[in-house]
């Protein structure tokens, strides 16, 4: 049974979301002590975190950074904020998805199931993808070039994996966004750019510059 940590200070929303997820056979841990979110995370060891942005004391962005410093667990932000910058900030902080309130519970459950499926039940015959001496380990989401290794976020891993499965072919921005998010209405085009640029920097730091090529107005490719 998957463990989900729900960090939401609105009691009504917390109760409804918790009840819905339990009906889907998830084990839900509802946080009520918002001063000790990271401590509770370490106690629960959840498979996924649902994280509100507007929280007492410290906001969700702060707690996302704290969790990301020790874990790559999938994180879905829940927020009533609807500005593109909020979505971009959530992704930059390490969030995997963003659900705007008020939300449809069916959509939320679909996003939870998709993230869990991608992160914990993905099956692959090969353990690594290798091209131009860059190796992507499919088991632990790391990239290696020479003796240098970089940990990839969930989004970086999906982008690099999709590009490496299509060597020499342009992968459109739409295809990449569909691979990253379930519903494009929650995606700002800039969020993809942010993730690609962050991935490029990590590959460059490994010692391999210019690995991902941009084709303006079309997408990206690895040659």
Protein backbone atom coordinates (compact mmCIF):
# COMPACT_ATOMS: atom_id res chain seq x y z
CA UNK A 1 0.00 0.00 0.00
CA UNK A 2 1.36 3.41 -1.00
CA UNK A 3 1.93 5.96 1.77
CA UNK A 4 0.84 9.53 1.04
CA UNK A 5 1.69 12.50 3.24
CA UNK A 6 -0.95 15.24 3.08
CA UNK A 7 0.25 18.68 4.21
CA UNK A 8 -2.84 20.91 4.13
CA UNK A 9 -3.92 23.34 6.85
CA UNK A 10 -7.52 23.71 5.68
CA UNK A 11 -9.33 21.08 7.79
CA UNK A 12 -12.23 20.69 5.35
CA UNK A 13 -9.99 20.16 2.31
CA UNK A 14 -7.70 17.87 4.30
CA UNK A 15 -10.62 15.72 5.40
CA UNK A 16 -12.15 15.44 1.92
CA UNK A 17 -8.84 14.67 0.20
CA UNK A 18 -7.83 12.20 2.90
CA UNK A 19 -11.15 10.37 2.71
CA UNK A 20 -11.02 10.20 -1.10
CA UNK A 21 -7.48 8.81 -1.16
CA UNK A 22 -8.32 6.19 1.47
CA UNK A 23 -11.18 4.99 -0.72
CA UNK A 24 -8.52 4.35 -3.36
CA UNK A 25 -6.64 2.20 -0.84
CA UNK A 26 -3.88 4.69 -0.09
CA UNK A 27 -2.54 5.03 3.44
CA UNK A 28 -2.82 8.76 4.17
CA UNK A 29 -0.86 10.62 6.85
CA UNK A 30 -2.47 13.99 7.57
CA UNK A 31 -0.07 16.60 8.92
CA UNK A 32 -1.42 18.88 11.63
CA UNK A 33 1.85 20.09 13.20
CA UNK A 34 3.09 22.55 10.59
CA UNK A 35 6.24 23.42 12.55
CA UNK A 36 7.65 19.90 12.12
CA UNK A 37 6.81 18.91 8.55
CA UNK A 38 10.29 17.56 7.79
CA UNK A 39 10.41 15.57 11.04
CA UNK A 40 7.09 13.96 10.16
CA UNK A 41 8.32 13.26 6.63
CA UNK A 42 11.29 11.38 8.09
CA UNK A 43 8.99 9.37 10.33
CA UNK A 44 6.48 8.46 7.62
CA UNK A 45 8.82 7.93 4.62
CA UNK A 46 5.93 8.52 2.20
CA UNK A 47 5.88 7.50 -1.44
CA UNK A 48 4.31 10.86 -2.39
CA UNK A 49 3.65 14.24 -0.76
CA UNK A 50 0.65 16.50 -1.33
CA UNK A 51 1.83 19.94 -0.24
CA UNK A 52 -0.19 23.12 0.19
CA UNK A 53 1.66 26.38 -0.50
CA UNK A 54 -0.09 28.65 2.02
CA UNK A 55 0.85 27.11 5.36
CA UNK A 56 1.36 28.52 8.86
CA UNK A 57 4.90 29.55 9.88
CA UNK A 58 6.73 28.37 6.72
CA UNK A 59 5.12 28.01 3.31
CA UNK A 60 5.07 24.97 1.06
CA UNK A 61 8.01 26.22 -0.99
CA UNK A 62 10.19 26.12 2.12
CA UNK A 63 9.13 22.60 3.05
CA UNK A 64 9.59 21.41 -0.53
CA UNK A 65 13.20 22.60 -0.42
CA UNK A 66 13.71 20.86 2.90
CA UNK A 67 12.32 17.58 1.55
CA UNK A 68 14.28 17.89 -1.70
CA UNK A 69 17.51 18.24 0.29
CA UNK A 70 17.12 14.63 1.47
CA UNK A 71 14.69 12.92 -0.92
CA UNK A 72 13.47 12.68 -4.52
CA UNK A 73 9.98 11.62 -3.48
CA UNK A 74 7.26 12.91 -5.86
CA UNK A 75 5.65 16.16 -4.66
CA UNK A 76 2.36 17.62 -5.88
CA UNK A 77 1.65 21.22 -4.89
CA UNK A 78 -1.92 22.17 -3.95
CA UNK A 79 -2.69 25.88 -4.16
CA UNK A 80 -5.36 28.50 -4.76
CA UNK A 81 -2.71 30.67 -6.44
CA UNK A 82 -3.26 30.83 -10.19
CA UNK A 83 -0.39 32.95 -11.49
CA UNK A 84 2.09 31.43 -13.92
CA UNK A 85 4.94 32.55 -11.70
CA UNK A 86 3.57 30.44 -8.83
CA UNK A 87 3.59 27.35 -11.05
CA UNK A 88 7.09 28.12 -12.31
CA UNK A 89 8.35 28.63 -8.75
CA UNK A 90 6.76 25.35 -7.64
CA UNK A 91 8.54 23.46 -10.42
CA UNK A 92 11.83 25.27 -9.77
CA UNK A 93 11.64 24.32 -6.11
CA UNK A 94 11.47 20.65 -7.09
CA UNK A 95 7.73 20.05 -7.36
CA UNK A 96 6.55 17.41 -9.82
CA UNK A 97 3.06 18.76 -10.45
CA UNK A 98 0.75 21.62 -9.50
CA UNK A 99 -2.98 21.35 -8.81
CA UNK A 100 -4.96 24.56 -8.51
CA UNK A 101 -7.79 24.90 -6.00
CA UNK A 102 -10.66 24.33 -6.30
CA UNK A 103 -9.80 21.05 -7.98
CA UNK A 104 -11.68 18.00 -9.15
CA UNK A 105 -10.94 15.05 -6.85
CA UNK A 106 -10.87 12.71 -9.83
CA UNK A 107 -8.16 14.80 -11.47
CA UNK A 108 -6.14 14.81 -8.26
CA UNK A 109 -6.38 11.03 -7.89
CA UNK A 110 -5.37 10.59 -11.54
CA UNK A 111 -2.29 12.74 -11.01
CA UNK A 112 -1.37 10.84 -7.84
CA UNK A 113 -1.72 7.48 -9.58
CA UNK A 114 0.30 8.66 -12.59
CA UNK A 115 3.19 9.92 -10.48
CA UNK A 116 3.26 6.75 -8.39
CA UNK A 117 3.18 4.61 -11.53
CA UNK A 118 6.01 6.55 -13.16
CA UNK A 119 8.19 6.54 -10.06
CA UNK A 120 7.62 3.08 -8.57
CA UNK A 121 6.20 0.64 -11.11
CA UNK A 122 8.06 1.50 -14.29
CA UNK A 123 9.54 -1.60 -15.89
CA UNK A 124 12.45 -1.58 -18.32
CA UNK A 125 14.43 -4.40 -19.92
CA UNK A 126 17.65 -2.39 -19.92
CA UNK A 127 19.08 -0.80 -16.80
CA UNK A 128 20.66 2.15 -18.59
CA UNK A 129 20.52 4.35 -21.67
CA UNK A 130 23.93 5.24 -23.10
CA UNK A 131 24.84 7.71 -25.85
CA UNK A 132 28.10 9.60 -26.47
CA UNK A 133 29.43 8.14 -23.22
CA UNK A 134 26.63 9.68 -21.16
CA UNK A 135 24.86 6.96 -19.20
CA UNK A 136 21.42 7.34 -17.63
CA UNK A 137 20.71 4.81 -14.90
CA UNK A 138 17.01 3.93 -15.10
CA UNK A 139 16.97 2.37 -11.64
CA UNK A 140 18.12 5.37 -9.61
CA UNK A 141 17.60 8.38 -11.95
CA UNK A 142 21.24 9.41 -12.22
CA UNK A 143 23.37 10.52 -15.16
CA UNK A 144 27.04 9.61 -15.42
CA UNK A 145 29.80 10.85 -17.69
CA UNK A 146 33.30 9.61 -17.00
CA UNK A 147 33.74 9.52 -13.25
CA UNK A 148 31.18 12.27 -12.60
CA UNK A 149 27.59 11.53 -11.55
CA UNK A 150 24.57 13.81 -11.24
CA UNK A 151 21.25 13.09 -9.59
CA UNK A 152 18.26 13.97 -11.75
CA UNK A 153 14.90 15.20 -10.60
CA UNK A 154 11.85 13.33 -11.78
CA UNK A 155 11.21 15.89 -14.55
CA UNK A 156 14.86 15.99 -15.68
CA UNK A 157 14.91 12.21 -15.79
CA UNK A 158 11.79 12.01 -17.96
CA UNK A 159 13.05 14.69 -20.36
CA UNK A 160 16.50 13.13 -20.80
CA UNK A 161 15.08 9.63 -21.11
CA UNK A 162 12.61 10.68 -23.82
CA UNK A 163 15.31 12.51 -25.78
CA UNK A 164 17.72 9.57 -25.52
CA UNK A 165 15.05 7.18 -26.78
CA UNK A 166 14.75 9.38 -29.87
CA UNK A 167 18.40 10.00 -30.80
CA UNK A 168 18.64 12.14 -33.92
CA UNK A 169 14.93 12.97 -33.86
CA UNK A 170 13.32 16.20 -32.75
CA UNK A 171 11.05 15.75 -29.75
CA UNK A 172 8.46 18.52 -29.73
CA UNK A 173 7.80 20.69 -26.71
CA UNK A 174 4.21 19.44 -26.69
CA UNK A 175 5.37 15.81 -26.50
CA UNK A 176 7.70 16.65 -23.62
CA UNK A 177 5.00 18.51 -21.72
CA UNK A 178 2.56 15.65 -22.20
CA UNK A 179 5.16 13.28 -20.77
CA UNK A 180 5.69 15.52 -17.75
CA UNK A 181 2.16 16.53 -16.90
CA UNK A 182 -1.20 14.86 -17.28
CA UNK A 183 -3.23 17.93 -18.16
CA UNK A 184 -1.62 20.66 -20.21
CA UNK A 185 -3.95 23.29 -18.76
CA UNK A 186 -1.76 23.23 -15.64
CA UNK A 187 1.44 23.82 -17.61
CA UNK A 188 3.07 27.08 -18.57
CA UNK A 189 5.45 26.82 -21.52
CA UNK A 190 8.18 28.40 -19.43
CA UNK A 191 8.18 25.50 -16.97
CA UNK A 192 9.50 23.17 -19.64
CA UNK A 193 12.24 25.66 -20.54
CA UNK A 194 13.23 25.88 -16.87
CA UNK A 195 13.54 22.10 -16.58
CA UNK A 196 15.49 21.72 -19.84
CA UNK A 197 17.92 24.49 -18.85
CA UNK A 198 18.44 22.93 -15.44
CA UNK A 199 19.12 19.56 -17.07
CA UNK A 200 21.57 21.16 -19.50
CA UNK A 201 23.50 22.74 -16.65
CA UNK A 202 23.84 19.40 -14.89
CA UNK A 203 25.11 17.69 -18.05
CA UNK A 204 27.56 20.54 -18.67
CA UNK A 205 28.87 20.24 -15.12
CA UNK A 206 29.50 16.55 -15.80
CA UNK A 207 31.85 17.67 -18.57
CA UNK A 208 29.64 17.26 -21.65
CA UNK A 209 28.69 20.61 -23.18
CA UNK A 210 26.06 21.12 -25.90
CA UNK A 211 24.50 17.68 -25.42
CA UNK A 212 20.92 18.83 -25.96
CA UNK A 213 20.22 20.89 -29.09
CA UNK A 214 17.33 23.33 -29.47
CA UNK A 215 15.47 23.54 -32.76
CA UNK A 216 13.64 26.84 -32.55
CA UNK A 217 9.90 26.53 -32.95
CA UNK A 218 10.16 22.73 -33.11
CA UNK A 219 11.63 21.20 -29.96
CA UNK A 220 14.81 19.51 -28.75
CA UNK A 221 17.03 16.67 -29.85
CA UNK A 222 20.20 14.79 -29.03
CA UNK A 223 22.39 14.16 -32.07
